[in-house]
Amino acid sequence: MDPSPTSIVEKTIAHDAQAEEELVVVLRELVPLSVERPGGVSVEELARKLGRDDDRHGVRELLERGRSAIEDTSDRSGRFAVVERVHDDISAFWRARYIPTSFGRIYLKSVSEDQS
């Protein structure tokens, strides 16, 4: 393991890029589900739809990541918050419900166009 600052920064950037890619996959499922569930989509339902029943906590972490805006000062890129939590259940995190924000829908569309 290389503890140099450069190595740590590179690993962090790589982890963030992977998490952002996974967030896009989650958004692709969340957007159509939210049309059917205007009161929000539960973590449990979204994890099931993604085939990640055994990783509901990971799905919740991605959704929470999407609640925060990200600013990259190195190249002036970033994104707004792409999801909003509309219901939280502190006794059972998998019952928390989320919806995409309007910026989330725009972000998903722009990412999809970039990949085309």
Foldseek 3Di string as FASTA:
>chain_A
DDPDPVVVVVVVVVVVVVLVVVLLVLLVQQAVVCVVVVLFDFLCRSCVVVVNNVPSVSSLVSLVVLQQWDADPVVRDTFHRFKDFNDQDVVDRRRTGMHTDPSNVVVSVVVVVVVD
